[in-house]
PDB file of N, CA and C in Angstrom:
ATOM      1  N   UNK A   1     179.125 -45.182 102.001  1.00  0.00           N
ATOM      2  CA  UNK A   1     179.305 -46.391 102.261  1.00  0.00           C
ATOM      3  C   UNK A   1     178.401 -47.417 102.262  1.00  0.00           C
ATOM      4  N   UNK A   2     179.186 -49.079 102.493  1.00  0.00           N
ATOM      5  CA  UNK A   2     178.015 -49.826 102.128  1.00  0.00           C
ATOM      6  C   UNK A   2     178.193 -50.803 103.324  1.00  0.00           C
ATOM      7  N   UNK A   3     176.938 -51.404 103.775  1.00  0.00           N
ATOM      8  CA  UNK A   3     177.597 -52.637 105.053  1.00  0.00           C
ATOM      9  C   UNK A   3     176.489 -53.649 104.953  1.00  0.00           C
ATOM     10  N   UNK A   4     176.409 -54.106 106.046  1.00  0.00           N
ATOM     11  CA  UNK A   4     174.800 -55.304 106.445  1.00  0.00           C
ATOM     12  C   UNK A   4     174.528 -54.797 107.728  1.00  0.00           C
ATOM     13  N   UNK A   5     173.183 -54.988 107.109  1.00  0.00           N
ATOM     14  CA  UNK A   5     172.627 -54.675 109.021  1.00  0.00           C
ATOM     15  C   UNK A   5     173.021 -55.803 110.018  1.00  0.00           C
ATOM     16  N   UNK A   6     173.275 -55.506 110.907  1.00  0.00           N
ATOM     17  CA  UNK A   6     173.874 -56.613 112.245  1.00  0.00           C
ATOM     18  C   UNK A   6     172.747 -56.500 113.416  1.00  0.00           C
ATOM     19  N   UNK A   7     171.798 -55.731 112.971  1.00  0.00           N
ATOM     20  CA  UNK A   7     171.187 -55.602 114.476  1.00  0.00           C
ATOM     21  C   UNK A   7     169.379 -54.866 114.314  1.00  0.00           C
ATOM     22  N   UNK A   8     168.816 -54.784 114.788  1.00  0.00           N
ATOM     23  CA  UNK A   8     167.455 -53.979 114.285  1.00  0.00           C
ATOM     24  C   UNK A   8     166.793 -54.203 115.215  1.00  0.00           C
ATOM     25  N   UNK A   9     166.060 -53.451 116.031  1.00  0.00           N
ATOM     26  CA  UNK A   9     165.085 -53.461 117.553  1.00  0.00           C
ATOM     27  C   UNK A   9     164.515 -53.119 116.801  1.00  0.00           C
ATOM     28  N   UNK A  10     162.660 -53.697 117.071  1.00  0.00           N
ATOM     29  CA  UNK A  10     161.159 -53.488 116.815  1.00  0.00           C
ATOM     30  C   UNK A  10     161.247 -52.318 117.547  1.00  0.00           C
ATOM     31  N   UNK A  11     161.506 -52.505 118.708  1.00  0.00           N
ATOM     32  CA  UNK A  11     160.760 -51.424 119.812  1.00  0.00           C
ATOM     33  C   UNK A  11     161.148 -49.744 119.450  1.00  0.00           C
ATOM     34  N   UNK A  12     162.117 -49.925 119.317  1.00  0.00           N
ATOM     35  CA  UNK A  12     162.168 -48.203 118.589  1.00  0.00           C
ATOM     36  C   UNK A  12     163.148 -47.779 117.378  1.00  0.00           C
ATOM     37  N   UNK A  13     163.382 -49.132 116.806  1.00  0.00           N
ATOM     38  CA  UNK A  13     163.301 -48.839 114.955  1.00  0.00           C
ATOM     39  C   UNK A  13     164.877 -48.417 114.860  1.00  0.00           C
ATOM     40  N   UNK A  14     165.582 -48.754 115.943  1.00  0.00           N
ATOM     41  CA  UNK A  14     166.949 -48.685 115.474  1.00  0.00           C
ATOM     42  C   UNK A  14     168.007 -49.368 115.673  1.00  0.00           C
ATOM     43  N   UNK A  15     169.398 -49.273 115.563  1.00  0.00           N
ATOM     44  CA  UNK A  15     169.983 -50.827 114.845  1.00  0.00           C
ATOM     45  C   UNK A  15     171.479 -50.187 114.410  1.00  0.00           C
ATOM     46  N   UNK A  16     171.779 -51.294 114.252  1.00  0.00           N
ATOM     47  CA  UNK A  16     173.571 -51.351 113.397  1.00  0.00           C
ATOM     48  C   UNK A  16     173.684 -51.913 112.613  1.00  0.00           C
ATOM     49  N   UNK A  17     175.195 -51.043 111.607  1.00  0.00           N
ATOM     50  CA  UNK A  17     175.512 -51.589 110.438  1.00  0.00           C
ATOM     51  C   UNK A  17     177.233 -52.045 110.648  1.00  0.00           C
ATOM     52  N   UNK A  18     177.411 -53.164 110.226  1.00  0.00           N
ATOM     53  CA  UNK A  18     178.462 -53.421 109.950  1.00  0.00           C
ATOM     54  C   UNK A  18     179.342 -53.064 108.748  1.00  0.00           C
ATOM     55  N   UNK A  19     180.182 -51.520 108.482  1.00  0.00           N
ATOM     56  CA  UNK A  19     180.194 -51.407 107.379  1.00  0.00           C
ATOM     57  C   UNK A  19     181.660 -52.329 106.595  1.00  0.00           C
ATOM     58  N   UNK A  20     181.791 -51.823 105.586  1.00  0.00           N
ATOM     59  CA  UNK A  20     182.496 -52.582 104.970  1.00  0.00           C
ATOM     60  C   UNK A  20     184.116 -52.879 105.691  1.00  0.00           C
ATOM     61  N   UNK A  21     184.451 -51.517 106.035  1.00  0.00           N
ATOM     62  CA  UNK A  21     185.766 -51.065 106.524  1.00  0.00           C
ATOM     63  C   UNK A  21     185.816 -51.640 107.463  1.00  0.00           C
ATOM     64  N   UNK A  22     184.717 -52.546 108.448  1.00  0.00           N
ATOM     65  CA  UNK A  22     185.095 -52.966 109.434  1.00  0.00           C
ATOM     66  C   UNK A  22     184.477 -52.538 110.704  1.00  0.00           C
ATOM     67  N   UNK A  23     184.562 -51.251 110.771  1.00  0.00           N
ATOM     68  CA  UNK A  23     183.250 -50.675 111.928  1.00  0.00           C
ATOM     69  C   UNK A  23     181.985 -50.144 112.251  1.00  0.00           C
ATOM     70  N   UNK A  24     181.767 -50.533 113.463  1.00  0.00           N
ATOM     71  CA  UNK A  24     180.236 -50.770 113.421  1.00  0.00           C
ATOM     72  C   UNK A  24     179.579 -49.724 113.692  1.00  0.00           C
ATOM     73  N   UNK A  25     178.609 -49.082 113.098  1.00  0.00           N
ATOM     74  CA  UNK A  25     177.869 -47.628 113.056  1.00  0.00           C
ATOM     75  C   UNK A  25     176.371 -47.697 113.543  1.00  0.00           C
ATOM     76  N   UNK A  26     175.448 -47.293 114.084  1.00  0.00           N
ATOM     77  CA  UNK A  26     174.226 -47.338 114.536  1.00  0.00           C
ATOM     78  C   UNK A  26     173.548 -46.590 113.795  1.00  0.00           C
ATOM     79  N   UNK A  27     171.983 -46.551 113.916  1.00  0.00           N
ATOM     80  CA  UNK A  27     171.175 -45.679 113.141  1.00  0.00           C
ATOM     81  C   UNK A  27     170.244 -46.289 113.520  1.00  0.00           C
ATOM     82  N   UNK A  28     169.340 -44.233 113.589  1.00  0.00           N
ATOM     83  CA  UNK A  28     167.829 -44.706 114.020  1.00  0.00           C
ATOM     84  C   UNK A  28     167.151 -44.457 113.019  1.00  0.00           C
ATOM     85  N   UNK A  29     165.592 -44.620 113.412  1.00  0.00           N
ATOM     86  CA  UNK A  29     164.683 -45.286 112.880  1.00  0.00           C
ATOM     87  C   UNK A  29     164.019 -43.681 111.578  1.00  0.00           C
ATOM     88  N   UNK A  30     165.003 -42.505 112.302  1.00  0.00           N
ATOM     89  CA  UNK A  30     164.928 -41.512 110.998  1.00  0.00           C
ATOM     90  C   UNK A  30     166.097 -41.195 109.895  1.00  0.00           C
ATOM     91  N   UNK A  31     166.644 -42.552 110.248  1.00  0.00           N
ATOM     92  CA  UNK A  31     168.282 -42.230 109.465  1.00  0.00           C
ATOM     93  C   UNK A  31     167.527 -43.215 107.914  1.00  0.00           C
ATOM     94  N   UNK A  32     166.452 -44.179 107.838  1.00  0.00           N
ATOM     95  CA  UNK A  32     166.702 -44.457 107.206  1.00  0.00           C
ATOM     96  C   UNK A  32     165.527 -44.308 105.435  1.00  0.00           C
ATOM     97  N   UNK A  33     166.208 -44.558 104.603  1.00  0.00           N
ATOM     98  CA  UNK A  33     166.132 -43.649 103.666  1.00  0.00           C
ATOM     99  C   UNK A  33     164.691 -43.929 102.824  1.00  0.00           C
ATOM    100  N   UNK A  34     164.003 -42.851 102.026  1.00  0.00           N
ATOM    101  CA  UNK A  34     162.585 -42.650 101.308  1.00  0.00           C
ATOM    102  C   UNK A  34     162.750 -43.372 100.097  1.00  0.00           C
ATOM    103  N   UNK A  35     163.289 -44.494 100.068  1.00  0.00           N
ATOM    104  CA  UNK A  35     163.384 -45.094  98.674  1.00  0.00           C
ATOM    105  C   UNK A  35     162.604 -46.225  98.379  1.00  0.00           C
ATOM    106  N   UNK A  36     161.387 -46.053  98.979  1.00  0.00           N
ATOM    107  CA  UNK A  36     160.293 -47.825  98.780  1.00  0.00           C
ATOM    108  C   UNK A  36     160.611 -48.268 100.071  1.00  0.00           C
ATOM    109  N   UNK A  37     161.334 -47.868 100.997  1.00  0.00           N
ATOM    110  CA  UNK A  37     162.407 -48.950 101.896  1.00  0.00           C
ATOM    111  C   UNK A  37     161.686 -48.558 103.463  1.00  0.00           C
ATOM    112  N   UNK A  38     161.021 -48.894 104.079  1.00  0.00           N
ATOM    113  CA  UNK A  38     160.686 -48.320 105.191  1.00  0.00           C
ATOM    114  C   UNK A  38     161.592 -49.335 106.352  1.00  0.00           C
ATOM    115  N   UNK A  39     161.638 -48.379 107.786  1.00  0.00           N
ATOM    116  CA  UNK A  39     162.717 -48.874 109.148  1.00  0.00           C
ATOM    117  C   UNK A  39     161.946 -50.525 109.455  1.00  0.00           C
ATOM    118  N   UNK A  40     160.529 -50.619 108.686  1.00  0.00           N
ATOM    119  CA  UNK A  40     160.212 -52.069 109.025  1.00  0.00           C
ATOM    120  C   UNK A  40     160.921 -53.108 108.428  1.00  0.00           C
ATOM    121  N   UNK A  41     161.172 -52.729 106.869  1.00  0.00           N
ATOM    122  CA  UNK A  41     161.596 -53.430 106.115  1.00  0.00           C
ATOM    123  C   UNK A  41     163.141 -54.263 106.070  1.00  0.00           C
ATOM    124  N   UNK A  42     164.263 -53.573 107.100  1.00  0.00           N
ATOM    125  CA  UNK A  42     165.715 -53.506 107.303  1.00  0.00           C
ATOM    126  C   UNK A  42     165.328 -54.819 108.214  1.00  0.00           C
ATOM    127  N   UNK A  43     166.036 -55.383 107.701  1.00  0.00           N
ATOM    128  CA  UNK A  43     166.490 -57.009 108.605  1.00  0.00           C
ATOM    129  C   UNK A  43     167.688 -57.244 108.850  1.00  0.00           C
ATOM    130  N   UNK A  44     168.045 -58.078 109.686  1.00  0.00           N
ATOM    131  CA  UNK A  44     169.661 -58.402 110.195  1.00  0.00           C
ATOM    132  C   UNK A  44     169.924 -59.438 108.300  1.00  0.00           C
ATOM    133  N   UNK A  45     170.914 -58.505 108.121  1.00  0.00           N
ATOM    134  CA  UNK A  45     171.662 -59.312 106.993  1.00  0.00           C
ATOM    135  C   UNK A  45     171.462 -58.496 105.607  1.00  0.00           C
ATOM    136  N   UNK A  46     170.499 -57.646 106.025  1.00  0.00           N
ATOM    137  CA  UNK A  46     170.505 -57.162 104.737  1.00  0.00           C
ATOM    138  C   UNK A  46     171.671 -56.172 104.071  1.00  0.00           C
ATOM    139  N   UNK A  47     171.644 -55.643 102.881  1.00  0.00           N
ATOM    140  CA  UNK A  47     172.792 -55.009 102.350  1.00  0.00           C
ATOM    141  C   UNK A  47     172.493 -53.596 102.433  1.00  0.00           C
ATOM    142  N   UNK A  48     172.985 -52.687 102.825  1.00  0.00           N
ATOM    143  CA  UNK A  48     172.673 -51.215 102.679  1.00  0.00           C
ATOM    144  C   UNK A  48     173.838 -50.274 101.918  1.00  0.00           C
ATOM    145  N   UNK A  49     173.428 -49.333 101.973  1.00  0.00           N
ATOM    146  CA  UNK A  49     173.957 -48.120 101.500  1.00  0.00           C
ATOM    147  C   UNK A  49     173.682 -46.799 102.630  1.00  0.00           C
ATOM    148  N   UNK A  50     174.630 -46.126 102.954  1.00  0.00           N
ATOM    149  CA  UNK A  50     174.555 -45.175 103.841  1.00  0.00           C
ATOM    150  C   UNK A  50     175.465 -43.745 103.823  1.00  0.00           C
ATOM    151  N   UNK A  51     174.760 -42.861 104.525  1.00  0.00           N
ATOM    152  CA  UNK A  51     176.048 -42.037 104.729  1.00  0.00           C
ATOM    153  C   UNK A  51     176.419 -41.632 106.364  1.00  0.00           C
ATOM    154  N   UNK A  52     177.566 -41.309 106.526  1.00  0.00           N
ATOM    155  CA  UNK A  52     178.593 -41.054 107.966  1.00  0.00           C
ATOM    156  C   UNK A  52     177.916 -39.703 108.623  1.00  0.00           C
ATOM    157  N   UNK A  53     177.498 -39.681 109.846  1.00  0.00           N
ATOM    158  CA  UNK A  53     176.921 -38.435 110.376  1.00  0.00           C
ATOM    159  C   UNK A  53     178.079 -38.589 111.658  1.00  0.00           C
ATOM    160  N   UNK A  54     178.818 -37.256 111.572  1.00  0.00           N
ATOM    161  CA  UNK A  54     179.413 -37.553 113.239  1.00  0.00           C
ATOM    162  C   UNK A  54     178.893 -36.494 114.468  1.00  0.00           C
ATOM    163  N   UNK A  55     178.332 -37.130 115.024  1.00  0.00           N
ATOM    164  CA  UNK A  55     177.894 -36.390 116.073  1.00  0.00           C
ATOM    165  C   UNK A  55     179.090 -36.298 117.124  1.00  0.00           C
ATOM    166  N   UNK A  56     177.731 -35.752 118.355  1.00  0.00           N
ATOM    167  CA  UNK A  56     178.560 -35.586 119.857  1.00  0.00           C
ATOM    168  C   UNK A  56     179.757 -36.998 120.380  1.00  0.00           C
ATOM    169  N   UNK A  57     178.994 -38.020 120.388  1.00  0.00           N
ATOM    170  CA  UNK A  57     179.648 -39.612 120.529  1.00  0.00           C
ATOM    171  C   UNK A  57     180.245 -40.056 119.718  1.00  0.00           C
ATOM    172  N   UNK A  58     179.880 -40.360 118.667  1.00  0.00           N
ATOM    173  CA  UNK A  58     180.428 -41.411 117.812  1.00  0.00           C
ATOM    174  C   UNK A  58     179.550 -41.322 116.281  1.00  0.00           C
ATOM    175  N   UNK A  59     179.510 -41.665 115.373  1.00  0.00           N
ATOM    176  CA  UNK A  59     179.303 -41.248 113.818  1.00  0.00           C
ATOM    177  C   UNK A  59     178.656 -42.690 113.533  1.00  0.00           C
ATOM    178  N   UNK A  60     177.221 -42.084 113.220  1.00  0.00           N
ATOM    179  CA  UNK A  60     176.011 -42.743 112.956  1.00  0.00           C
ATOM    180  C   UNK A  60     176.269 -42.907 111.528  1.00  0.00           C
ATOM    181  N   UNK A  61     174.926 -43.601 111.374  1.00  0.00           N
ATOM    182  CA  UNK A  61     174.440 -43.735 109.806  1.00  0.00           C
ATOM    183  C   UNK A  61     172.608 -42.863 109.621  1.00  0.00           C
ATOM    184  N   UNK A  62     172.975 -42.061 108.224  1.00  0.00           N
ATOM    185  CA  UNK A  62     171.718 -41.537 107.434  1.00  0.00           C
ATOM    186  C   UNK A  62     171.599 -41.835 106.366  1.00  0.00           C
ATOM    187  N   UNK A  63     170.449 -41.858 106.066  1.00  0.00           N
ATOM    188  CA  UNK A  63     170.619 -41.588 104.489  1.00  0.00           C
ATOM    189  C   UNK A  63     170.742 -43.532 104.337  1.00  0.00           C
ATOM    190  N   UNK A  64     169.873 -44.180 105.107  1.00  0.00           N
ATOM    191  CA  UNK A  64     170.041 -45.857 105.174  1.00  0.00           C
ATOM    192  C   UNK A  64     169.308 -46.292 103.575  1.00  0.00           C
ATOM    193  N   UNK A  65     169.394 -46.635 102.391  1.00  0.00           N
ATOM    194  CA  UNK A  65     169.189 -47.454 101.874  1.00  0.00           C
ATOM    195  C   UNK A  65     169.525 -48.714 101.571  1.00  0.00           C
ATOM    196  N   UNK A  66     168.321 -49.918 101.237  1.00  0.00           N
ATOM    197  CA  UNK A  66     168.823 -51.264 101.184  1.00  0.00           C
ATOM    198  C   UNK A  66     168.836 -51.107  99.642  1.00  0.00           C
ATOM    199  N   UNK A  67     170.217 -52.362  99.731  1.00  0.00           N
ATOM    200  CA  UNK A  67     170.212 -52.579  97.921  1.00  0.00           C
ATOM    201  C   UNK A  67     170.000 -54.192  98.038  1.00  0.00           C
ATOM    202  N   UNK A  68     170.067 -54.562  96.562  1.00  0.00           N
ATOM    203  CA  UNK A  68     169.564 -55.655  96.740  1.00  0.00           C
ATOM    204  C   UNK A  68     170.190 -56.589  96.797  1.00  0.00           C
ATOM    205  N   UNK A  69     171.713 -56.516  97.196  1.00  0.00           N
ATOM    206  CA  UNK A  69     172.554 -57.526  97.440  1.00  0.00           C
ATOM    207  C   UNK A  69     172.505 -58.655  98.741  1.00  0.00           C
ATOM    208  N   UNK A  70     172.280 -59.088  99.373  1.00  0.00           N
ATOM    209  CA  UNK A  70     171.994 -59.294 100.103  1.00  0.00           C
ATOM    210  C   UNK A  70     172.732 -60.399 101.207  1.00  0.00           C
ATOM    211  N   UNK A  71     173.428 -60.249 102.381  1.00  0.00           N
ATOM    212  CA  UNK A  71     174.518 -61.532 102.720  1.00  0.00           C
ATOM    213  C   UNK A  71     173.511 -62.017 103.174  1.00  0.00           C
ATOM    214  N   UNK A  72     174.646 -64.136 102.922  1.00  0.00           N
ATOM    215  CA  UNK A  72     173.893 -64.901 103.238  1.00  0.00           C
ATOM    216  C   UNK A  72     172.379 -65.037 102.831  1.00  0.00           C
TER     217      UNK A  72
END
């Protein structure tokens, strides 16, 4: 899936992504992929690609990778 980062917490490295299908999903620091992009490099508005992992409460984004096309 693809979407845009809508929130990033510098305190704990978590954040949220607005997916192209209109759903918002969360991600954790450990979910950021290792394609040369660390969690400190993700900012609001960055366009990302990710996979959904279904947990106990709600789906979360994993393997988050920044793409070159950013919003705004």
